[in-house]
PDB file of all heavy atoms in Angstrom:
ATOM      1  N   GLY A   1     -27.338  35.884  37.809  1.00  0.00           N
ATOM      2  CA  GLY A   1     -26.172  35.471  37.031  1.00  0.00           C
ATOM      3  C   GLY A   1     -25.805  34.041  37.362  1.00  0.00           C
ATOM      4  O   GLY A   1     -26.251  33.483  38.361  1.00  0.00           O
ATOM      5  N   SER A   2     -24.997  33.463  36.504  1.00  0.00           N
ATOM      6  CA  SER A   2     -24.517  32.106  36.758  1.00  0.00           C
ATOM      7  C   SER A   2     -23.255  31.868  35.955  1.00  0.00           C
ATOM      8  O   SER A   2     -22.987  32.570  34.974  1.00  0.00           O
ATOM      9  CB  SER A   2     -25.577  31.064  36.377  1.00  0.00           C
ATOM     10  OG  SER A   2     -25.814  31.071  34.980  1.00  0.00           O
ATOM     11  N   SER A   3     -22.487  30.892  36.386  1.00  0.00           N
ATOM     12  CA  SER A   3     -21.269  30.521  35.672  1.00  0.00           C
ATOM     13  C   SER A   3     -21.036  29.031  35.892  1.00  0.00           C
ATOM     14  O   SER A   3     -21.552  28.448  36.848  1.00  0.00           O
ATOM     15  CB  SER A   3     -20.065  31.333  36.162  1.00  0.00           C
ATOM     16  OG  SER A   3     -19.850  31.110  37.552  1.00  0.00           O
ATOM     17  N   ASP A   4     -20.283  28.429  34.997  1.00  0.00           N
ATOM     18  CA  ASP A   4     -19.980  27.005  35.146  1.00  0.00           C
ATOM     19  C   ASP A   4     -18.537  26.751  34.732  1.00  0.00           C
ATOM     20  O   ASP A   4     -17.918  27.573  34.049  1.00  0.00           O
ATOM     21  CB  ASP A   4     -20.939  26.154  34.310  1.00  0.00           C
ATOM     22  CG  ASP A   4     -20.784  26.405  32.819  1.00  0.00           C
ATOM     23  OD1 ASP A   4     -19.941  25.751  32.183  1.00  0.00           O
ATOM     24  OD2 ASP A   4     -21.507  27.262  32.282  1.00  0.00           O
ATOM     25  N   ASP A   5     -18.018  25.599  35.140  1.00  0.00           N
ATOM     26  CA  ASP A   5     -16.626  25.275  34.820  1.00  0.00           C
ATOM     27  C   ASP A   5     -16.505  24.430  33.552  1.00  0.00           C
ATOM     28  O   ASP A   5     -15.413  23.972  33.213  1.00  0.00           O
ATOM     29  CB  ASP A   5     -15.967  24.552  36.002  1.00  0.00           C
ATOM     30  CG  ASP A   5     -16.633  23.214  36.317  1.00  0.00           C
ATOM     31  OD1 ASP A   5     -17.628  22.861  35.640  1.00  0.00           O
ATOM     32  OD2 ASP A   5     -16.171  22.531  37.251  1.00  0.00           O
ATOM     33  N   GLY A   6     -17.619  24.215  32.858  1.00  0.00           N
ATOM     34  CA  GLY A   6     -17.586  23.430  31.639  1.00  0.00           C
ATOM     35  C   GLY A   6     -17.482  21.933  31.869  1.00  0.00           C
ATOM     36  O   GLY A   6     -17.399  21.160  30.905  1.00  0.00           O
ATOM     37  N   LYS A   7     -17.499  21.524  33.129  1.00  0.00           N
ATOM     38  CA  LYS A   7     -17.351  20.096  33.445  1.00  0.00           C
ATOM     39  C   LYS A   7     -18.511  19.574  34.282  1.00  0.00           C
ATOM     40  O   LYS A   7     -19.228  18.681  33.877  1.00  0.00           O
ATOM     41  CB  LYS A   7     -16.034  19.870  34.182  1.00  0.00           C
ATOM     42  CG  LYS A   7     -14.796  20.227  33.362  1.00  0.00           C
ATOM     43  CD  LYS A   7     -13.531  20.042  34.178  1.00  0.00           C
ATOM     44  CE  LYS A   7     -12.296  20.426  33.373  1.00  0.00           C
ATOM     45  NZ  LYS A   7     -11.038  20.287  34.176  1.00  0.00           N
ATOM     46  N   SER A   8     -18.681  20.154  35.470  1.00  0.00           N
ATOM     47  CA  SER A   8     -19.731  19.626  36.352  1.00  0.00           C
ATOM     48  C   SER A   8     -20.342  20.661  37.297  1.00  0.00           C
ATOM     49  O   SER A   8     -21.436  20.433  37.812  1.00  0.00           O
ATOM     50  CB  SER A   8     -19.168  18.468  37.192  1.00  0.00           C
ATOM     51  OG  SER A   8     -18.110  18.938  38.028  1.00  0.00           O
ATOM     52  N   LYS A   9     -19.671  21.774  37.537  1.00  0.00           N
ATOM     53  CA  LYS A   9     -20.139  22.717  38.560  1.00  0.00           C
ATOM     54  C   LYS A   9     -20.826  23.948  37.969  1.00  0.00           C
ATOM     55  O   LYS A   9     -20.384  24.499  36.966  1.00  0.00           O
ATOM     56  CB  LYS A   9     -18.961  23.162  39.424  1.00  0.00           C
ATOM     57  CG  LYS A   9     -18.342  22.038  40.245  1.00  0.00           C
ATOM     58  CD  LYS A   9     -17.183  22.552  41.083  1.00  0.00           C
ATOM     59  CE  LYS A   9     -16.557  21.415  41.905  1.00  0.00           C
ATOM     60  NZ  LYS A   9     -15.412  21.894  42.718  1.00  0.00           N
ATOM     61  N   ILE A  10     -21.920  24.340  38.625  1.00  0.00           N
ATOM     62  CA  ILE A  10     -22.625  25.570  38.275  1.00  0.00           C
ATOM     63  C   ILE A  10     -22.714  26.436  39.525  1.00  0.00           C
ATOM     64  O   ILE A  10     -23.097  25.959  40.595  1.00  0.00           O
ATOM     65  CB  ILE A  10     -24.057  25.306  37.781  1.00  0.00           C
ATOM     66  CG1 ILE A  10     -24.072  24.331  36.609  1.00  0.00           C
ATOM     67  CG2 ILE A  10     -24.731  26.621  37.368  1.00  0.00           C
ATOM     68  CD1 ILE A  10     -25.471  23.986  36.125  1.00  0.00           C
ATOM     69  N   LYS A  11     -22.352  27.710  39.383  1.00  0.00           N
ATOM     70  CA  LYS A  11     -22.499  28.663  40.477  1.00  0.00           C
ATOM     71  C   LYS A  11     -23.643  29.610  40.111  1.00  0.00           C
ATOM     72  O   LYS A  11     -23.606  30.299  39.094  1.00  0.00           O
ATOM     73  CB  LYS A  11     -21.219  29.456  40.713  1.00  0.00           C
ATOM     74  CG  LYS A  11     -21.350  30.500  41.829  1.00  0.00           C
ATOM     75  CD  LYS A  11     -20.068  31.287  42.040  1.00  0.00           C
ATOM     76  CE  LYS A  11     -19.006  30.437  42.724  1.00  0.00           C
ATOM     77  NZ  LYS A  11     -17.807  31.250  43.071  1.00  0.00           N
ATOM     78  N   PHE A  12     -24.669  29.617  40.953  1.00  0.00           N
ATOM     79  CA  PHE A  12     -25.813  30.487  40.763  1.00  0.00           C
ATOM     80  C   PHE A  12     -25.671  31.724  41.649  1.00  0.00           C
ATOM     81  O   PHE A  12     -25.226  31.635  42.786  1.00  0.00           O
ATOM     82  CB  PHE A  12     -27.113  29.768  41.139  1.00  0.00           C
ATOM     83  CG  PHE A  12     -27.409  28.546  40.325  1.00  0.00           C
ATOM     84  CD1 PHE A  12     -27.079  27.280  40.803  1.00  0.00           C
ATOM     85  CD2 PHE A  12     -28.021  28.649  39.086  1.00  0.00           C
ATOM     86  CE1 PHE A  12     -27.363  26.142  40.064  1.00  0.00           C
ATOM     87  CE2 PHE A  12     -28.309  27.519  38.341  1.00  0.00           C
ATOM     88  CZ  PHE A  12     -27.969  26.261  38.818  1.00  0.00           C
ATOM     89  N   LEU A  13     -26.065  32.869  41.122  1.00  0.00           N
ATOM     90  CA  LEU A  13     -26.076  34.112  41.889  1.00  0.00           C
ATOM     91  C   LEU A  13     -27.513  34.585  42.003  1.00  0.00           C
ATOM     92  O   LEU A  13     -28.117  35.052  41.030  1.00  0.00           O
ATOM     93  CB  LEU A  13     -25.209  35.176  41.203  1.00  0.00           C
ATOM     94  CG  LEU A  13     -23.725  34.832  41.022  1.00  0.00           C
ATOM     95  CD1 LEU A  13     -23.008  35.948  40.269  1.00  0.00           C
ATOM     96  CD2 LEU A  13     -23.053  34.575  42.372  1.00  0.00           C
ATOM     97  N   PHE A  14     -28.086  34.429  43.194  1.00  0.00           N
ATOM     98  CA  PHE A  14     -29.465  34.812  43.439  1.00  0.00           C
ATOM     99  C   PHE A  14     -29.514  36.067  44.307  1.00  0.00           C
ATOM    100  O   PHE A  14     -28.660  36.265  45.176  1.00  0.00           O
ATOM    101  CB  PHE A  14     -30.223  33.697  44.163  1.00  0.00           C
ATOM    102  CG  PHE A  14     -30.371  32.433  43.358  1.00  0.00           C
ATOM    103  CD1 PHE A  14     -29.598  31.316  43.658  1.00  0.00           C
ATOM    104  CD2 PHE A  14     -31.285  32.360  42.315  1.00  0.00           C
ATOM    105  CE1 PHE A  14     -29.743  30.135  42.936  1.00  0.00           C
ATOM    106  CE2 PHE A  14     -31.437  31.187  41.591  1.00  0.00           C
ATOM    107  CZ  PHE A  14     -30.661  30.077  41.894  1.00  0.00           C
ATOM    108  N   GLN A  15     -30.540  36.878  44.093  1.00  0.00           N
ATOM    109  CA  GLN A  15     -30.712  38.072  44.926  1.00  0.00           C
ATOM    110  C   GLN A  15     -31.748  37.797  46.015  1.00  0.00           C
ATOM    111  O   GLN A  15     -32.882  37.407  45.714  1.00  0.00           O
ATOM    112  CB  GLN A  15     -31.160  39.267  44.090  1.00  0.00           C
ATOM    113  CG  GLN A  15     -31.247  40.561  44.901  1.00  0.00           C
ATOM    114  CD  GLN A  15     -31.598  41.752  44.041  1.00  0.00           C
ATOM    115  OE1 GLN A  15     -32.512  41.689  43.225  1.00  0.00           O
ATOM    116  NE2 GLN A  15     -30.863  42.849  44.203  1.00  0.00           N
ATOM    117  N   ASN A  16     -31.333  37.992  47.245  1.00  0.00           N
ATOM    118  CA  ASN A  16     -32.249  37.835  48.370  1.00  0.00           C
ATOM    119  C   ASN A  16     -33.296  38.955  48.312  1.00  0.00           C
ATOM    120  O   ASN A  16     -32.947  40.128  48.268  1.00  0.00           O
ATOM    121  CB  ASN A  16     -31.481  37.910  49.697  1.00  0.00           C
ATOM    122  CG  ASN A  16     -32.353  37.603  50.891  1.00  0.00           C
ATOM    123  OD1 ASN A  16     -33.332  38.281  51.164  1.00  0.00           O
ATOM    124  ND2 ASN A  16     -31.979  36.560  51.630  1.00  0.00           N
ATOM    125  N   PRO A  17     -34.595  38.604  48.304  1.00  0.00           N
ATOM    126  CA  PRO A  17     -35.641  39.628  48.157  1.00  0.00           C
ATOM    127  C   PRO A  17     -35.728  40.579  49.345  1.00  0.00           C
ATOM    128  O   PRO A  17     -36.213  41.701  49.200  1.00  0.00           O
ATOM    129  CB  PRO A  17     -36.926  38.796  48.031  1.00  0.00           C
ATOM    130  CG  PRO A  17     -36.611  37.505  48.733  1.00  0.00           C
ATOM    131  CD  PRO A  17     -35.158  37.251  48.448  1.00  0.00           C
ATOM    132  N   ASP A  18     -35.260  40.154  50.507  1.00  0.00           N
ATOM    133  CA  ASP A  18     -35.348  40.995  51.702  1.00  0.00           C
ATOM    134  C   ASP A  18     -34.131  41.900  51.861  1.00  0.00           C
ATOM    135  O   ASP A  18     -34.260  43.116  52.050  1.00  0.00           O
ATOM    136  CB  ASP A  18     -35.509  40.119  52.945  1.00  0.00           C
ATOM    137  CG  ASP A  18     -36.789  39.289  52.897  1.00  0.00           C
ATOM    138  OD1 ASP A  18     -37.807  39.814  52.434  1.00  0.00           O
ATOM    139  OD2 ASP A  18     -36.741  38.110  53.286  1.00  0.00           O
ATOM    140  N   THR A  19     -32.945  41.284  51.784  1.00  0.00           N
ATOM    141  CA  THR A  19     -31.719  42.055  51.997  1.00  0.00           C
ATOM    142  C   THR A  19     -31.174  42.679  50.718  1.00  0.00           C
ATOM    143  O   THR A  19     -30.304  43.560  50.777  1.00  0.00           O
ATOM    144  CB  THR A  19     -30.630  41.154  52.595  1.00  0.00           C
ATOM    145  OG1 THR A  19     -30.274  40.152  51.625  1.00  0.00           O
ATOM    146  CG2 THR A  19     -31.123  40.469  53.865  1.00  0.00           C
ATOM    147  N   LYS A  20     -31.651  42.181  49.562  1.00  0.00           N
ATOM    148  CA  LYS A  20     -31.178  42.628  48.242  1.00  0.00           C
ATOM    149  C   LYS A  20     -29.722  42.223  47.987  1.00  0.00           C
ATOM    150  O   LYS A  20     -29.108  42.653  47.012  1.00  0.00           O
ATOM    151  CB  LYS A  20     -31.315  44.153  48.078  1.00  0.00           C
ATOM    152  CG  LYS A  20     -32.717  44.676  48.301  1.00  0.00           C
ATOM    153  CD  LYS A  20     -33.727  44.037  47.369  1.00  0.00           C
ATOM    154  CE  LYS A  20     -35.137  44.566  47.611  1.00  0.00           C
ATOM    155  NZ  LYS A  20     -36.150  43.905  46.754  1.00  0.00           N
ATOM    156  N   GLN A  21     -29.183  41.407  48.889  1.00  0.00           N
ATOM    157  CA  GLN A  21     -27.813  40.938  48.729  1.00  0.00           C
ATOM    158  C   GLN A  21     -27.773  39.752  47.763  1.00  0.00           C
ATOM    159  O   GLN A  21     -28.740  38.990  47.636  1.00  0.00           O
ATOM    160  CB  GLN A  21     -27.235  40.510  50.077  1.00  0.00           C
ATOM    161  CG  GLN A  21     -27.120  41.644  51.086  1.00  0.00           C
ATOM    162  CD  GLN A  21     -26.161  42.732  50.631  1.00  0.00           C
ATOM    163  OE1 GLN A  21     -25.038  42.452  50.212  1.00  0.00           O
ATOM    164  NE2 GLN A  21     -26.611  43.978  50.695  1.00  0.00           N
ATOM    165  N   ILE A  22     -26.634  39.596  47.094  1.00  0.00           N
ATOM    166  CA  ILE A  22     -26.453  38.481  46.168  1.00  0.00           C
ATOM    167  C   ILE A  22     -25.944  37.269  46.952  1.00  0.00           C
ATOM    168  O   ILE A  22     -24.963  37.365  47.692  1.00  0.00           O
ATOM    169  CB  ILE A  22     -25.454  38.830  45.048  1.00  0.00           C
ATOM    170  CG1 ILE A  22     -25.993  39.995  44.205  1.00  0.00           C
ATOM    171  CG2 ILE A  22     -25.201  37.610  44.166  1.00  0.00           C
ATOM    172  CD1 ILE A  22     -27.296  39.706  43.496  1.00  0.00           C
ATOM    173  N   GLU A  23     -26.619  36.138  46.781  1.00  0.00           N
ATOM    174  CA  GLU A  23     -26.238  34.908  47.467  1.00  0.00           C
ATOM    175  C   GLU A  23     -25.787  33.881  46.434  1.00  0.00           C
ATOM    176  O   GLU A  23     -26.508  33.577  45.486  1.00  0.00           O
ATOM    177  CB  GLU A  23     -27.427  34.363  48.270  1.00  0.00           C
ATOM    178  CG  GLU A  23     -27.900  35.361  49.329  1.00  0.00           C
ATOM    179  CD  GLU A  23     -29.172  34.917  50.040  1.00  0.00           C
ATOM    180  OE1 GLU A  23     -29.808  33.944  49.573  1.00  0.00           O
ATOM    181  OE2 GLU A  23     -29.516  35.550  51.056  1.00  0.00           O
ATOM    182  N   ALA A  24     -24.566  33.374  46.618  1.00  0.00           N
ATOM    183  CA  ALA A  24     -23.992  32.406  45.678  1.00  0.00           C
ATOM    184  C   ALA A  24     -24.287  30.979  46.136  1.00  0.00           C
ATOM    185  O   ALA A  24     -24.124  30.648  47.313  1.00  0.00           O
ATOM    186  CB  ALA A  24     -22.491  32.622  45.552  1.00  0.00           C
TER     187      ALA A  24
END
């Protein structure tokens, strides 16, 4: 997943392949 503020910032949500946790 990802989101942005419409101006300059993008937040990426990646899944760690080992822990399966989501890392922002």
